[in-house]
């Protein structure tokens, strides 16, 4: 063996040992051999400077059949002086049934071909970034839109690292979108052989700054920044597990994953492109034909709806499509249901984008409560920017009756009352200019023309309570001062104002400060929601008999 061959041999051994060291840290040696790594794709990098401070590399995932998308995305990136690397995506439709079965392992066939290709493409990117030692990468799919100045992502990354040095994933928009409409992830898709947190845990979103919120679940991975820690967590998880669901679902169930999203859209899903290579179940080679057909259908539908009222359209369908007579009376109800579901969807998305601490599940509950019970008089104690007020107002507007009395002093002194000066809550509230959030709430009411359904009362809650007669209120949402005494005072003073059979919703009931108020309500009202240590709110129905029994017990 000559000197050159010997050096090559030594280098090869060194490289193999390096790879072994890398993957020994990722693959669980005690697990069964999972075939995911076998089907990942090697990636070539030509652009090692991203053009964005704090980001080592930008990857754009693009199918070979979608040249027009790459052309548009590359032009978009160039406009913003960014350098990206095109990643030839794995086309899931070209993966054999046998291979798909191997990748799913013991799990039932629920993940679709396109989703498999998308997942393998993303993991190929993450594997490449891990091997290259990148500290932060930006992974884009080829159907994104740049909404705001991209360079602001750099200071936002610094801000996030200061808030949470161990962050893993940062999405560059508020929530997932399709056709310009947000798509909320309001349920779970757990692997059947694992244990997980309750749904409430994954639906929770927490504002950590004016720009960033902590999230635990959403759809879409079309624009995501991933830290070195996140790269390792994601790669380790998918190398050691069979495929169960799409990557934008399963990623949230990675143990210890720390995810964040923007409070406004900076880079989001492209408006006007309804097709998803991974989710629509249409092989790319026929998408262009499908687009032409859909465009023609949309034009025909628009011409029809421009001339006819929707009731006339229903009559037309009944006459010409041979709908069975027993369904004729259901058609208007069906359309009303669709309109209600669409209204809820849009309202929850908007509330999620407002400053504050908003739980989507709670927002849906508020809207359904108002609609189902036709509330006439509601109260919200603690409004802030109006994130939870909006669902109540929109539901009242939908029923065309009732109003909500929105009580908030928007005063720092009231917000910190009951807190010690060393308490983090005291420090947090004293740094805020509450007039900004008050204006946000007023603007929200103006924007949606909701003045008929909302009565703003700018007073401390204990001064406003005297404005209401006993047994006059259908529903109260408690979300005011969060000190122990503040919560207890609000609950006890407003309790008589609610009618028998009326409802209470106590926010942040899992706080220790809420203990006294929770006990008070449990003694006097029926608990209508699950009572767990993780519950972020509790829902009660007033029961006159329980109230009477409690009065006898505590006031003999």
Protein backbone atom coordinates (compact mmCIF):
# COMPACT_ATOMS: atom_id res chain seq x y z
CA UNK A 1 0.00 0.00 0.00
CA UNK A 2 1.58 3.29 -1.08
CA UNK A 3 1.56 6.45 1.03
CA UNK A 4 -1.47 8.02 -0.72
CA UNK A 5 -3.59 4.88 -0.33
CA UNK A 6 -2.57 4.59 3.30
CA UNK A 7 -3.68 8.19 3.96
CA UNK A 8 -6.98 7.58 2.19
CA UNK A 9 -7.53 4.42 4.21
CA UNK A 10 -6.81 6.23 7.50
CA UNK A 11 -9.11 9.11 6.49
CA UNK A 12 -11.89 6.66 5.62
CA UNK A 13 -11.58 4.96 8.99
CA UNK A 14 -11.67 8.32 10.74
CA UNK A 15 -14.79 9.34 8.79
CA UNK A 16 -16.57 6.08 9.63
CA UNK A 17 -15.73 6.45 13.33
CA UNK A 18 -17.06 10.01 13.15
CA UNK A 19 -20.37 8.82 11.69
CA UNK A 20 -20.61 6.09 14.29
CA UNK A 21 -20.11 8.66 17.04
CA UNK A 22 -22.75 10.92 15.54
CA UNK A 23 -25.44 8.24 15.25
CA UNK A 24 -24.66 6.50 18.53
CA UNK A 25 -25.94 9.69 20.13
CA UNK A 26 -29.13 9.63 18.06
CA UNK A 27 -30.26 6.03 17.67
CA UNK A 28 -31.44 4.11 20.70
CA UNK A 29 -29.26 0.98 20.75
CA UNK A 30 -31.96 -0.96 22.58
CA UNK A 31 -34.69 -0.21 20.04
CA UNK A 32 -35.72 -2.27 17.05
CA UNK A 33 -34.13 -1.26 13.77
CA UNK A 34 -36.35 1.51 12.37
CA UNK A 35 -36.02 1.92 8.58
CA UNK A 36 -36.50 5.72 8.39
CA UNK A 37 -32.79 6.50 8.05
CA UNK A 38 -32.56 4.10 5.11
CA UNK A 39 -34.94 6.22 3.02
CA UNK A 40 -33.54 9.67 3.74
CA UNK A 41 -31.97 11.61 0.91
CA UNK A 42 -28.42 13.06 0.78
CA UNK A 43 -28.40 16.81 0.31
CA UNK A 44 -25.89 18.97 -1.54
CA UNK A 45 -25.20 22.45 -0.22
CA UNK A 46 -23.94 25.29 -2.40
CA UNK A 47 -24.97 28.33 -0.33
CA UNK A 48 -23.19 28.40 3.03
CA UNK A 49 -24.10 32.03 3.77
CA UNK A 50 -27.80 32.55 4.38
CA UNK A 51 -27.85 36.34 4.30
CA UNK A 52 -29.72 36.32 7.61
CA UNK A 53 -27.76 36.89 10.80
CA UNK A 54 -28.09 34.03 13.28
CA UNK A 55 -29.15 31.51 10.62
CA UNK A 56 -26.45 29.16 9.33
CA UNK A 57 -28.34 27.79 6.35
CA UNK A 58 -31.65 28.18 4.52
CA UNK A 59 -33.19 25.06 2.96
CA UNK A 60 -36.09 25.15 0.50
CA UNK A 61 -37.89 21.84 -0.01
CA UNK A 62 -39.17 21.56 -3.59
CA UNK A 63 -40.39 18.66 -5.72
CA UNK A 64 -38.61 18.19 -9.04
CA UNK A 65 -42.02 18.35 -10.73
CA UNK A 66 -42.66 21.82 -9.28
CA UNK A 67 -40.06 23.90 -11.08
CA UNK A 68 -42.35 26.92 -11.23
CA UNK A 69 -42.55 26.98 -7.42
CA UNK A 70 -38.80 26.94 -7.00
CA UNK A 71 -38.44 29.68 -9.61
CA UNK A 72 -40.91 31.88 -7.73
CA UNK A 73 -39.39 31.14 -4.32
CA UNK A 74 -35.83 31.73 -5.51
CA UNK A 75 -36.86 35.10 -6.95
CA UNK A 76 -38.58 35.96 -3.67
CA UNK A 77 -35.48 35.08 -1.66
CA UNK A 78 -33.23 37.01 -4.01
CA UNK A 79 -35.42 40.09 -3.61
CA UNK A 80 -34.70 39.94 0.14
CA UNK A 81 -30.97 39.28 -0.45
CA UNK A 82 -31.14 35.76 0.96
CA UNK A 83 -29.20 32.72 -0.25
CA UNK A 84 -30.95 29.37 -0.01
CA UNK A 85 -30.29 25.78 -0.98
CA UNK A 86 -32.89 23.93 -2.99
CA UNK A 87 -33.62 20.46 -1.60
CA UNK A 88 -34.98 17.96 -4.11
CA UNK A 89 -37.98 16.68 -2.17
CA UNK A 90 -38.87 13.03 -1.83
CA UNK A 91 -42.04 12.32 -3.78
CA UNK A 92 -44.18 10.11 -1.58
CA UNK A 93 -46.28 8.97 -4.53
CA UNK A 94 -43.22 7.26 -6.00
CA UNK A 95 -42.57 5.24 -2.83
CA UNK A 96 -43.75 1.65 -3.21
CA UNK A 97 -46.53 0.23 -1.07
CA UNK A 98 -44.06 -2.25 0.44
CA UNK A 99 -41.71 0.55 1.50
CA UNK A 100 -44.56 2.57 2.98
CA UNK A 101 -45.59 -0.50 4.97
CA UNK A 102 -42.03 -0.88 6.29
CA UNK A 103 -41.95 2.79 7.33
CA UNK A 104 -45.28 2.51 9.19
CA UNK A 105 -44.22 -0.66 11.00
CA UNK A 106 -46.95 -1.93 13.35
CA UNK A 107 -49.12 1.17 12.96
CA UNK A 108 -52.31 1.18 10.86
CA UNK A 109 -52.20 2.86 7.46
CA UNK A 110 -53.27 6.43 8.19
CA UNK A 111 -50.33 8.56 7.02
CA UNK A 112 -50.72 9.36 3.32
CA UNK A 113 -48.15 9.00 0.56
CA UNK A 114 -47.60 12.72 0.18
CA UNK A 115 -47.19 13.13 3.94
CA UNK A 116 -44.57 10.37 3.99
CA UNK A 117 -42.59 12.14 1.25
CA UNK A 118 -42.88 15.46 3.09
CA UNK A 119 -41.75 13.95 6.39
CA UNK A 120 -38.75 12.17 4.84
CA UNK A 121 -37.77 15.38 3.02
CA UNK A 122 -37.82 17.39 6.27
CA UNK A 123 -35.89 14.74 8.19
CA UNK A 124 -33.33 14.56 5.37
CA UNK A 125 -32.80 18.31 5.80
CA UNK A 126 -32.53 18.01 9.58
CA UNK A 127 -30.09 15.12 9.30
CA UNK A 128 -27.93 17.17 6.93
CA UNK A 129 -27.97 20.15 9.29
CA UNK A 130 -27.04 17.93 12.24
CA UNK A 131 -24.09 16.37 10.40
CA UNK A 132 -22.82 19.79 9.32
CA UNK A 133 -22.96 21.08 12.89
CA UNK A 134 -25.33 23.97 12.14
CA UNK A 135 -26.60 25.88 15.19
CA UNK A 136 -29.72 27.32 13.57
CA UNK A 137 -31.42 26.59 10.27
CA UNK A 138 -34.44 27.93 8.43
CA UNK A 139 -36.50 25.30 6.61
CA UNK A 140 -38.93 26.54 3.97
CA UNK A 141 -41.38 24.76 1.75
CA UNK A 142 -41.92 26.19 -1.72
CA UNK A 143 -45.38 27.67 -1.10
CA UNK A 144 -44.56 30.57 1.23
CA UNK A 145 -45.24 34.29 1.14
CA UNK A 146 -43.05 36.99 2.73
CA UNK A 147 -45.36 39.37 4.60
CA UNK A 148 -42.94 41.57 6.54
CA UNK A 149 -39.25 42.49 6.49
CA UNK A 150 -37.32 39.22 6.83
CA UNK A 151 -34.32 40.81 8.51
CA UNK A 152 -36.36 41.33 11.69
CA UNK A 153 -36.12 37.58 12.25
CA UNK A 154 -32.53 38.03 13.46
CA UNK A 155 -33.34 40.27 16.47
CA UNK A 156 -36.38 38.10 17.18
CA UNK A 157 -34.11 35.04 17.38
CA UNK A 158 -31.92 36.91 19.86
CA UNK A 159 -35.03 37.89 21.83
CA UNK A 160 -36.25 34.30 21.94
CA UNK A 161 -32.84 33.01 23.04
CA UNK A 162 -32.93 35.47 25.93
CA UNK A 163 -36.46 34.41 26.91
CA UNK A 164 -35.77 30.69 26.51
CA UNK A 165 -32.14 29.69 25.86
CA UNK A 166 -33.33 26.12 25.25
CA UNK A 167 -35.92 26.86 22.54
CA UNK A 168 -36.22 24.27 19.77
CA UNK A 169 -38.60 25.49 17.06
CA UNK A 170 -39.86 28.92 15.96
CA UNK A 171 -42.65 29.23 13.38
CA UNK A 172 -42.60 32.49 11.43
CA UNK A 173 -46.36 33.09 11.48
CA UNK A 174 -49.30 33.02 13.87
CA UNK A 175 -50.89 29.79 12.70
CA UNK A 176 -51.26 27.52 9.72
CA UNK A 177 -53.10 28.78 6.66
CA UNK A 178 -54.56 27.42 3.46
CA UNK A 179 -56.14 29.49 0.70
CA UNK A 180 -55.50 32.49 2.92
CA UNK A 181 -57.69 31.06 5.69
CA UNK A 182 -56.21 29.94 9.02
CA UNK A 183 -56.53 26.27 9.90
CA UNK A 184 -56.61 25.58 13.63
CA UNK A 185 -55.33 22.41 15.24
CA UNK A 186 -58.01 21.79 17.87
CA UNK A 187 -57.67 18.04 18.37
CA UNK A 188 -54.90 15.50 18.82
CA UNK A 189 -53.54 12.52 16.90
CA UNK A 190 -51.64 10.51 19.46
CA UNK A 191 -49.74 7.32 18.74
CA UNK A 192 -51.85 4.51 20.22
CA UNK A 193 -48.96 3.01 22.19
CA UNK A 194 -47.87 6.15 24.07
CA UNK A 195 -49.10 8.26 26.96
CA UNK A 196 -49.66 11.98 26.46
CA UNK A 197 -50.90 15.11 28.21
CA UNK A 198 -54.62 16.08 28.07
CA UNK A 199 -55.87 18.09 25.08
CA UNK A 200 -55.89 21.33 27.12
CA UNK A 201 -52.12 21.11 27.44
CA UNK A 202 -51.57 21.13 23.68
CA UNK A 203 -54.11 23.87 22.97
CA UNK A 204 -52.50 26.34 25.35
CA UNK A 205 -50.73 29.37 23.92
CA UNK A 206 -48.77 31.73 26.14
CA UNK A 207 -47.55 35.18 25.17
CA UNK A 208 -43.87 35.50 26.13
CA UNK A 209 -43.35 38.90 24.51
CA UNK A 210 -45.22 41.25 22.18
CA UNK A 211 -43.72 39.36 19.23
CA UNK A 212 -43.53 35.72 20.30
CA UNK A 213 -45.85 33.17 21.90
CA UNK A 214 -45.19 29.72 23.30
CA UNK A 215 -47.30 27.09 21.55
CA UNK A 216 -47.71 23.34 21.85
CA UNK A 217 -49.62 22.44 18.72
CA UNK A 218 -50.47 23.71 15.23
CA UNK A 219 -50.51 22.63 11.60
CA UNK A 220 -47.93 23.46 8.95
CA UNK A 221 -44.13 23.41 8.74
CA UNK A 222 -43.74 25.54 5.64
CA UNK A 223 -41.53 28.09 7.40
CA UNK A 224 -39.74 27.11 10.57
CA UNK A 225 -36.50 28.05 12.33
CA UNK A 226 -34.87 25.21 14.25
CA UNK A 227 -32.10 25.45 16.85
CA UNK A 228 -29.29 22.94 17.33
CA UNK A 229 -31.22 21.44 20.26
CA UNK A 230 -34.35 21.18 18.14
CA UNK A 231 -32.43 19.58 15.29
CA UNK A 232 -31.15 16.86 17.59
CA UNK A 233 -34.52 16.25 19.29
CA UNK A 234 -36.43 15.97 16.02
CA UNK A 235 -33.84 13.75 14.33
CA UNK A 236 -33.53 11.45 17.35
CA UNK A 237 -37.30 11.07 17.57
CA UNK A 238 -37.91 10.17 13.93
CA UNK A 239 -34.88 7.88 13.63
CA UNK A 240 -36.25 5.85 16.52
CA UNK A 241 -39.93 5.69 15.60
CA UNK A 242 -42.05 4.24 12.82
CA UNK A 243 -44.14 6.75 10.89
CA UNK A 244 -47.51 7.49 12.41
CA UNK A 245 -48.76 10.88 11.20
CA UNK A 246 -47.63 13.91 9.21
CA UNK A 247 -44.55 15.67 10.54
CA UNK A 248 -46.46 18.87 11.36
CA UNK A 249 -48.63 16.79 13.73
CA UNK A 250 -46.21 14.30 15.23
CA UNK A 251 -43.52 16.92 15.95
CA UNK A 252 -45.61 18.33 18.82
CA UNK A 253 -45.49 15.01 20.67
CA UNK A 254 -41.69 14.81 20.75
CA UNK A 255 -40.77 14.60 24.46
CA UNK A 256 -39.56 17.95 25.76
CA UNK A 257 -40.03 19.86 22.48
CA UNK A 258 -40.12 23.64 23.05
CA UNK A 259 -42.07 25.41 20.31
CA UNK A 260 -42.79 29.06 19.64
CA UNK A 261 -44.62 31.09 17.00
CA UNK A 262 -44.90 34.74 16.02
CA UNK A 263 -47.78 36.92 17.14
CA UNK A 264 -48.00 38.26 13.57
CA UNK A 265 -47.27 36.79 10.16
CA UNK A 266 -43.74 37.43 8.88
CA UNK A 267 -43.48 34.45 6.53
CA UNK A 268 -46.66 32.43 6.00
CA UNK A 269 -48.36 30.06 3.60
CA UNK A 270 -48.85 31.51 0.15
CA UNK A 271 -52.35 32.87 -0.44
CA UNK A 272 -53.99 31.61 -3.59
CA UNK A 273 -52.26 28.23 -3.83
CA UNK A 274 -54.86 25.72 -2.60
CA UNK A 275 -52.84 22.60 -3.39
CA UNK A 276 -50.58 20.86 -0.92
CA UNK A 277 -48.20 18.26 -2.30
CA UNK A 278 -48.32 16.36 0.98
CA UNK A 279 -51.96 16.62 2.08
CA UNK A 280 -54.30 16.89 -0.88
CA UNK A 281 -53.71 13.34 -2.05
CA UNK A 282 -53.24 14.39 -5.70
CA UNK A 283 -50.08 13.23 -7.49
CA UNK A 284 -48.12 16.27 -8.76
CA UNK A 285 -48.32 15.21 -12.39
CA UNK A 286 -52.08 15.84 -12.50
CA UNK A 287 -52.23 18.93 -10.30
CA UNK A 288 -51.91 21.36 -13.18
CA UNK A 289 -54.90 19.76 -14.92
CA UNK A 290 -56.88 19.83 -11.65
CA UNK A 291 -56.13 23.53 -11.22
CA UNK A 292 -57.58 24.30 -14.64
CA UNK A 293 -60.75 22.34 -13.85
CA UNK A 294 -61.17 24.00 -10.44
CA UNK A 295 -60.60 27.47 -11.90
CA UNK A 296 -63.30 26.82 -14.50
CA UNK A 297 -65.70 25.55 -11.82
CA UNK A 298 -65.01 28.56 -9.59
CA UNK A 299 -65.73 30.95 -12.44
CA UNK A 300 -69.02 29.19 -13.21
CA UNK A 301 -70.00 29.21 -9.53
CA UNK A 302 -69.16 32.90 -9.18
CA UNK A 303 -71.33 33.74 -12.18
CA UNK A 304 -74.20 31.78 -10.64
CA UNK A 305 -73.92 33.25 -7.14
CA UNK A 306 -73.59 36.78 -8.50
CA UNK A 307 -77.13 36.50 -9.88
CA UNK A 308 -78.89 34.30 -7.33
CA UNK A 309 -79.61 34.52 -3.61
CA UNK A 310 -78.35 31.48 -1.68
CA UNK A 311 -81.94 30.31 -1.06
CA UNK A 312 -82.52 30.29 -4.80
CA UNK A 313 -79.33 28.27 -5.22
CA UNK A 314 -80.67 25.69 -2.76
CA UNK A 315 -83.96 25.53 -4.66
CA UNK A 316 -82.01 25.04 -7.88
CA UNK A 317 -80.02 22.19 -6.34
CA UNK A 318 -83.17 20.57 -4.99
CA UNK A 319 -84.85 20.72 -8.41
CA UNK A 320 -81.96 19.63 -10.60
CA UNK A 321 -79.82 17.24 -8.49
CA UNK A 322 -82.67 15.02 -7.28
CA UNK A 323 -82.07 15.54 -3.55
CA UNK A 324 -84.47 13.29 -1.58
CA UNK A 325 -87.46 15.20 -0.25
CA UNK A 326 -86.72 14.38 3.39
CA UNK A 327 -83.56 16.49 3.14
CA UNK A 328 -85.17 19.59 1.60
CA UNK A 329 -85.94 21.20 4.94
CA UNK A 330 -82.42 20.52 6.19
CA UNK A 331 -80.67 22.52 3.47
CA UNK A 332 -80.99 26.00 5.06
CA UNK A 333 -79.96 24.54 8.43
CA UNK A 334 -76.93 22.96 6.79
CA UNK A 335 -75.83 26.27 5.31
CA UNK A 336 -76.45 28.05 8.63
CA UNK A 337 -74.31 25.42 10.37
CA UNK A 338 -71.53 25.95 7.83
CA UNK A 339 -71.69 29.71 8.36
CA UNK A 340 -71.52 29.24 12.15
CA UNK A 341 -68.53 26.93 11.94
CA UNK A 342 -66.76 29.34 9.60
CA UNK A 343 -67.49 32.25 11.95
CA UNK A 344 -66.09 30.33 14.91
CA UNK A 345 -63.00 29.39 12.95
CA UNK A 346 -62.27 32.97 11.83
CA UNK A 347 -63.00 34.41 15.28
CA UNK A 348 -60.73 31.99 17.11
CA UNK A 349 -57.93 32.66 14.65
CA UNK A 350 -58.23 36.41 15.16
CA UNK A 351 -58.41 36.08 18.94
CA UNK A 352 -55.26 33.95 18.86
CA UNK A 353 -53.42 36.77 17.12
CA UNK A 354 -54.38 39.40 19.71
CA UNK A 355 -52.12 40.31 22.64
CA UNK A 356 -52.85 38.33 25.77
CA UNK A 357 -53.25 34.75 26.87
CA UNK A 358 -55.90 33.04 24.80
CA UNK A 359 -56.87 29.39 24.80
CA UNK A 360 -58.59 28.32 21.59
CA UNK A 361 -60.66 25.61 23.25
CA UNK A 362 -62.02 28.13 25.74
CA UNK A 363 -62.89 30.52 22.92
CA UNK A 364 -64.89 27.81 21.17
CA UNK A 365 -66.68 27.01 24.43
CA UNK A 366 -67.59 30.70 24.91
CA UNK A 367 -69.08 30.95 21.42
CA UNK A 368 -71.07 27.72 21.66
CA UNK A 369 -72.39 28.68 25.10
CA UNK A 370 -73.69 32.05 23.92
CA UNK A 371 -75.31 30.57 20.82
CA UNK A 372 -76.82 27.52 22.51
CA UNK A 373 -78.30 29.34 25.52
CA UNK A 374 -79.12 32.63 23.76
CA UNK A 375 -77.58 34.68 26.59
CA UNK A 376 -78.95 38.19 26.96
CA UNK A 377 -76.74 39.61 29.71
CA UNK A 378 -73.07 38.59 30.01
CA UNK A 379 -70.13 39.97 31.96
CA UNK A 380 -66.43 39.67 31.38
CA UNK A 381 -64.26 40.78 34.31
CA UNK A 382 -60.79 41.56 32.94
CA UNK A 383 -60.67 42.40 29.23
CA UNK A 384 -57.06 43.38 28.43
CA UNK A 385 -56.90 43.55 24.59
CA UNK A 386 -60.18 41.71 23.98
CA UNK A 387 -58.95 38.26 22.96
CA UNK A 388 -61.66 36.40 24.93
CA UNK A 389 -64.18 39.21 24.59
CA UNK A 390 -64.26 38.88 20.81
CA UNK A 391 -65.73 35.31 20.75
CA UNK A 392 -68.52 36.43 23.11
CA UNK A 393 -69.34 39.51 21.04
CA UNK A 394 -69.28 37.64 17.72
CA UNK A 395 -71.61 34.94 19.08
CA UNK A 396 -74.01 37.62 20.35
CA UNK A 397 -73.88 39.30 16.97
CA UNK A 398 -74.65 35.98 15.33
CA UNK A 399 -77.75 35.47 17.53
CA UNK A 400 -78.66 39.16 16.97
CA UNK A 401 -79.47 39.70 20.64
CA UNK A 402 -77.88 40.25 24.02
CA UNK A 403 -74.78 42.14 25.14
CA UNK A 404 -71.64 41.65 27.18
CA UNK A 405 -70.52 44.11 29.84
CA UNK A 406 -66.74 44.32 29.50
CA UNK A 407 -65.24 45.43 32.81
CA UNK A 408 -61.62 46.57 33.03
CA UNK A 409 -59.97 49.58 34.65
CA UNK A 410 -56.90 49.29 32.40
CA UNK A 411 -55.01 50.59 35.42
CA UNK A 412 -51.68 49.19 36.61
CA UNK A 413 -52.55 49.89 40.25
CA UNK A 414 -55.63 47.70 39.96
CA UNK A 415 -53.73 44.99 38.08
CA UNK A 416 -51.06 44.63 40.80
CA UNK A 417 -53.38 45.01 43.79
CA UNK A 418 -52.81 42.14 46.21
CA UNK A 419 -49.36 41.23 44.86
CA UNK A 420 -46.11 41.68 46.76
CA UNK A 421 -43.64 44.00 45.01
CA UNK A 422 -41.24 41.04 44.58
CA UNK A 423 -43.92 38.89 42.91
CA UNK A 424 -43.23 38.24 39.18
CA UNK A 425 -46.82 39.32 38.44
CA UNK A 426 -46.15 42.70 40.04
CA UNK A 427 -42.98 43.15 38.05
CA UNK A 428 -44.72 42.09 34.83
CA UNK A 429 -47.74 44.39 35.10
CA UNK A 430 -45.79 47.46 36.19
CA UNK A 431 -43.82 47.32 32.94
CA UNK A 432 -46.93 47.48 30.74
CA UNK A 433 -48.64 50.51 29.26
CA UNK A 434 -52.23 49.29 29.58
CA UNK A 435 -53.59 52.14 27.47
CA UNK A 436 -52.11 50.35 24.43
CA UNK A 437 -54.20 47.25 25.11
CA UNK A 438 -57.27 49.34 25.91
CA UNK A 439 -56.96 50.98 22.49
CA UNK A 440 -56.55 47.55 20.92
CA UNK A 441 -59.87 46.48 22.46
CA UNK A 442 -61.69 49.64 21.36
CA UNK A 443 -60.29 49.28 17.85
CA UNK A 444 -61.46 45.66 17.77
CA UNK A 445 -65.03 46.70 18.57
CA UNK A 446 -64.92 49.46 15.95
CA UNK A 447 -63.43 47.18 13.31
CA UNK A 448 -66.18 44.57 13.71
CA UNK A 449 -68.97 47.10 14.39
CA UNK A 450 -69.87 45.37 17.66
CA UNK A 451 -71.01 48.41 19.65
CA UNK A 452 -74.57 47.07 19.93
CA UNK A 453 -73.31 43.91 21.60
CA UNK A 454 -70.75 45.31 24.03
CA UNK A 455 -70.87 47.77 26.90
CA UNK A 456 -67.39 48.87 28.00
CA UNK A 457 -67.19 49.70 31.71
CA UNK A 458 -63.84 51.26 32.54
CA UNK A 459 -63.92 50.74 36.29
CA UNK A 460 -62.31 48.46 38.85
CA UNK A 461 -64.42 45.32 39.13
CA UNK A 462 -65.40 46.02 42.75
CA UNK A 463 -66.79 49.44 41.81
CA UNK A 464 -68.65 48.07 38.77
CA UNK A 465 -70.39 45.25 40.66
CA UNK A 466 -73.00 47.67 42.05
CA UNK A 467 -74.22 48.44 38.53
CA UNK A 468 -75.91 45.04 38.27
CA UNK A 469 -79.00 43.74 40.02
CA UNK A 470 -78.99 40.35 41.70
CA UNK A 471 -80.16 37.42 39.53
CA UNK A 472 -79.85 39.49 36.34
CA UNK A 473 -76.85 37.94 34.58
CA UNK A 474 -76.78 34.83 32.39
CA UNK A 475 -73.02 34.30 32.25
CA UNK A 476 -69.78 35.68 33.77
CA UNK A 477 -66.21 35.14 32.62
CA UNK A 478 -63.74 35.84 35.45
CA UNK A 479 -60.34 36.92 34.12
CA UNK A 480 -59.45 39.96 36.23
CA UNK A 481 -56.93 40.59 38.98
CA UNK A 482 -55.08 37.31 39.63
CA UNK A 483 -54.08 37.81 43.26
CA UNK A 484 -55.70 35.42 45.72
CA UNK A 485 -57.82 38.17 47.27
CA UNK A 486 -58.62 39.71 43.87
CA UNK A 487 -59.97 36.48 42.39
CA UNK A 488 -61.93 35.66 45.55
CA UNK A 489 -63.50 39.13 45.76
CA UNK A 490 -64.61 39.05 42.15
CA UNK A 491 -66.15 35.60 42.44
CA UNK A 492 -67.94 36.22 45.75
CA UNK A 493 -69.23 39.71 44.90
CA UNK A 494 -70.49 38.83 41.41
CA UNK A 495 -71.91 35.42 42.34
CA UNK A 496 -75.32 36.83 43.49
CA UNK A 497 -75.66 38.72 40.20
CA UNK A 498 -76.02 35.48 38.23
CA UNK A 499 -79.43 33.85 37.73
CA UNK A 500 -80.13 30.35 38.98
CA UNK A 501 -78.99 28.09 36.15
CA UNK A 502 -76.58 30.77 34.90
CA UNK A 503 -72.95 30.04 34.13
CA UNK A 504 -69.50 30.99 35.42
CA UNK A 505 -66.17 30.47 33.71
CA UNK A 506 -63.13 30.92 35.97
CA UNK A 507 -59.93 31.48 34.03
CA UNK A 508 -56.52 30.21 35.23
CA UNK A 509 -58.21 28.02 37.80
CA UNK A 510 -54.99 25.98 38.08
CA UNK A 511 -53.22 28.93 39.71
CA UNK A 512 -52.65 28.49 43.42
CA UNK A 513 -54.18 31.93 43.95
CA UNK A 514 -57.52 30.66 42.64
CA UNK A 515 -57.90 27.99 45.33
CA UNK A 516 -60.32 29.88 47.61
CA UNK A 517 -62.49 30.96 44.69
CA UNK A 518 -62.60 27.43 43.29
CA UNK A 519 -63.74 26.03 46.65
CA UNK A 520 -66.39 28.76 46.91
CA UNK A 521 -67.82 27.86 43.49
CA UNK A 522 -67.61 24.10 44.05
CA UNK A 523 -69.76 24.55 47.16
CA UNK A 524 -72.42 26.64 45.40
CA UNK A 525 -72.49 25.57 41.76
CA UNK A 526 -72.34 22.47 39.60
CA UNK A 527 -68.98 21.81 37.99
CA UNK A 528 -69.50 21.37 34.23
CA UNK A 529 -65.91 20.74 33.11
CA UNK A 530 -63.14 18.30 33.98
CA UNK A 531 -61.40 19.11 37.26
CA UNK A 532 -57.71 18.30 36.81
CA UNK A 533 -54.47 19.93 38.02
CA UNK A 534 -53.76 20.90 34.40
CA UNK A 535 -57.15 22.53 33.75
CA UNK A 536 -56.59 26.16 32.77
CA UNK A 537 -60.22 27.07 33.39
CA UNK A 538 -63.27 25.68 35.21
CA UNK A 539 -66.85 25.97 34.05
CA UNK A 540 -69.75 26.08 36.53
CA UNK A 541 -73.54 26.25 36.46
CA UNK A 542 -75.27 28.03 39.33
CA UNK A 543 -77.43 25.78 41.47
CA UNK A 544 -79.79 27.54 43.88
CA UNK A 545 -80.18 24.47 46.08
CA UNK A 546 -76.41 24.05 46.47
CA UNK A 547 -76.13 27.76 47.24
CA UNK A 548 -78.82 27.43 49.88
CA UNK A 549 -77.12 24.40 51.44
CA UNK A 550 -73.78 26.22 51.48
CA UNK A 551 -75.37 29.27 53.13
CA UNK A 552 -76.84 27.07 55.87
CA UNK A 553 -73.53 25.32 56.37
CA UNK A 554 -71.37 28.42 56.61
CA UNK A 555 -73.90 30.78 58.17
CA UNK A 556 -75.75 28.68 60.79
